[in-house]
Every structure is written in structure tokens, then in C-alpha cells.
C-alpha atoms as a PDB file:
ATOM      1  CA  UNK A   1      51.803  75.820 101.950  1.00  0.00           C
ATOM      2  CA  UNK A   2      55.404  76.912 101.606  1.00  0.00           C
ATOM      3  CA  UNK A   3      54.283  80.511 101.023  1.00  0.00           C
ATOM      4  CA  UNK A   4      52.280  80.463 104.263  1.00  0.00           C
ATOM      5  CA  UNK A   5      55.255  79.344 106.327  1.00  0.00           C
ATOM      6  CA  UNK A   6      57.510  81.844 104.586  1.00  0.00           C
ATOM      7  CA  UNK A   7      55.142  84.650 105.527  1.00  0.00           C
ATOM      8  CA  UNK A   8      54.914  83.360 109.105  1.00  0.00           C
ATOM      9  CA  UNK A   9      58.714  83.239 109.302  1.00  0.00           C
ATOM     10  CA  UNK A  10      59.019  86.833 108.080  1.00  0.00           C
ATOM     11  CA  UNK A  11      56.409  88.048 110.571  1.00  0.00           C
ATOM     12  CA  UNK A  12      58.130  86.114 113.369  1.00  0.00           C
ATOM     13  CA  UNK A  13      61.491  87.613 112.419  1.00  0.00           C
ATOM     14  CA  UNK A  14      60.093  91.137 112.607  1.00  0.00           C
ATOM     15  CA  UNK A  15      58.480  90.388 115.979  1.00  0.00           C
ATOM     16  CA  UNK A  16      61.788  89.031 117.330  1.00  0.00           C
ATOM     17  CA  UNK A  17      63.535  92.269 116.394  1.00  0.00           C
ATOM     18  CA  UNK A  18      60.776  94.344 118.023  1.00  0.00           C
ATOM     19  CA  UNK A  19      60.761  92.198 121.190  1.00  0.00           C
ATOM     20  CA  UNK A  20      64.535  92.430 121.469  1.00  0.00           C
ATOM     21  CA  UNK A  21      64.489  96.198 121.112  1.00  0.00           C
ATOM     22  CA  UNK A  22      61.736  96.524 123.725  1.00  0.00           C
ATOM     23  CA  UNK A  23      63.709  94.727 126.423  1.00  0.00           C
ATOM     24  CA  UNK A  24      65.046  97.025 129.134  1.00  0.00           C
ATOM     25  CA  UNK A  25      68.736  97.749 128.921  1.00  0.00           C
ATOM     26  CA  UNK A  26      71.042  96.542 131.655  1.00  0.00           C
ATOM     27  CA  UNK A  27      73.452  99.273 132.643  1.00  0.00           C
ATOM     28  CA  UNK A  28      75.507  96.976 134.860  1.00  0.00           C
ATOM     29  CA  UNK A  29      76.979  95.174 131.861  1.00  0.00           C
ATOM     30  CA  UNK A  30      79.612  97.848 131.222  1.00  0.00           C
ATOM     31  CA  UNK A  31      80.539  97.930 134.907  1.00  0.00           C
ATOM     32  CA  UNK A  32      80.877  94.156 135.088  1.00  0.00           C
ATOM     33  CA  UNK A  33      83.145  94.199 132.042  1.00  0.00           C
ATOM     34  CA  UNK A  34      85.508  96.551 133.853  1.00  0.00           C
ATOM     35  CA  UNK A  35      85.363  94.745 137.193  1.00  0.00           C
ATOM     36  CA  UNK A  36      85.728  91.269 135.735  1.00  0.00           C
ATOM     37  CA  UNK A  37      82.163  90.206 136.436  1.00  0.00           C
ATOM     38  CA  UNK A  38      82.563  89.882 140.203  1.00  0.00           C
ATOM     39  CA  UNK A  39      79.361  91.862 140.779  1.00  0.00           C
ATOM     40  CA  UNK A  40      77.365  89.375 138.708  1.00  0.00           C
ATOM     41  CA  UNK A  41      78.331  86.500 140.966  1.00  0.00           C
ATOM     42  CA  UNK A  42      76.614  87.917 144.034  1.00  0.00           C
ATOM     43  CA  UNK A  43      74.172  90.395 142.509  1.00  0.00           C
ATOM     44  CA  UNK A  44      72.135  88.028 140.363  1.00  0.00           C
ATOM     45  CA  UNK A  45      68.425  88.749 140.725  1.00  0.00           C
ATOM     46  CA  UNK A  46      65.477  87.100 139.100  1.00  0.00           C
ATOM     47  CA  UNK A  47      63.802  89.342 136.551  1.00  0.00           C
ATOM     48  CA  UNK A  48      60.269  90.432 137.367  1.00  0.00           C
ATOM     49  CA  UNK A  49      57.398  92.210 135.701  1.00  0.00           C
ATOM     50  CA  UNK A  50      57.848  93.574 132.210  1.00  0.00           C
ATOM     51  CA  UNK A  51      61.413  92.288 131.894  1.00  0.00           C
ATOM     52  CA  UNK A  52      60.373  88.704 132.678  1.00  0.00           C
ATOM     53  CA  UNK A  53      57.452  88.956 130.253  1.00  0.00           C
ATOM     54  CA  UNK A  54      59.685  90.218 127.442  1.00  0.00           C
ATOM     55  CA  UNK A  55      62.215  87.424 128.073  1.00  0.00           C
ATOM     56  CA  UNK A  56      59.443  84.819 127.767  1.00  0.00           C
ATOM     57  CA  UNK A  57      58.071  86.450 124.607  1.00  0.00           C
ATOM     58  CA  UNK A  58      61.551  86.443 123.052  1.00  0.00           C
ATOM     59  CA  UNK A  59      62.075  82.766 123.895  1.00  0.00           C
ATOM     60  CA  UNK A  60      58.693  81.779 122.420  1.00  0.00           C
ATOM     61  CA  UNK A  61      59.368  83.773 119.261  1.00  0.00           C
ATOM     62  CA  UNK A  62      62.801  82.158 118.954  1.00  0.00           C
ATOM     63  CA  UNK A  63      61.335  78.665 119.261  1.00  0.00           C
ATOM     64  CA  UNK A  64      58.708  79.531 116.636  1.00  0.00           C
ATOM     65  CA  UNK A  65      61.451  80.859 114.362  1.00  0.00           C
ATOM     66  CA  UNK A  66      63.337  77.559 114.466  1.00  0.00           C
ATOM     67  CA  UNK A  67      60.135  75.528 114.085  1.00  0.00           C
ATOM     68  CA  UNK A  68      59.078  77.511 111.012  1.00  0.00           C
ATOM     69  CA  UNK A  69      62.594  77.186 109.599  1.00  0.00           C
ATOM     70  CA  UNK A  70      62.584  73.417 110.027  1.00  0.00           C
ATOM     71  CA  UNK A  71      59.133  73.140 108.438  1.00  0.00           C
ATOM     72  CA  UNK A  72      60.338  75.187 105.463  1.00  0.00           C
ATOM     73  CA  UNK A  73      63.396  72.974 105.063  1.00  0.00           C
ATOM     74  CA  UNK A  74      61.196  69.890 105.140  1.00  0.00           C
ATOM     75  CA  UNK A  75      58.747  71.348 102.614  1.00  0.00           C
ATOM     76  CA  UNK A  76      61.498  72.417 100.240  1.00  0.00           C
ATOM     77  CA  UNK A  77      63.083  68.966 100.274  1.00  0.00           C
ATOM     78  CA  UNK A  78      59.835  67.161  99.426  1.00  0.00           C
END
């Protein structure tokens, strides 16, 4: 059982890295660092399409990562 969850955790970790790398880059980040972030206050837009999908996938994979980690901790202590 512990081997199964270890394999699932490794697969989930690889998928998190892939999902993070597939997210579109935000070029405004460098500009907001120079301007103090004033453009972010008024220019905040809700992500749509592929960007929104990738954010949801990353969140789900992150939740699965922590769930698998907690299950492995529980299994190793018993």
C-alpha cells in the first residue's frame, strides 16, 4: 500500500512540474516590479481559457500532492 502511494506521489510531482512549466508567462511582472506594482492594482483581470484551466489543474495537483503526503505519513507511522 505504501509503495502505491509513493508511486502516485512521484507521478503527481512530475505532473506538477509539467503543469507549472506549461502555464503562460506573465510579462507584466518585471514592469510591476519597477513601477512598484501600481499597474496591478487597477489592471487585474480574471484569467480565461487555457490559463484558467492550467491554474485549476495546478491547484488540483497540489491538493493531491499534500493528500498523498499525509497518507504516506500516516502509513509510515502505523
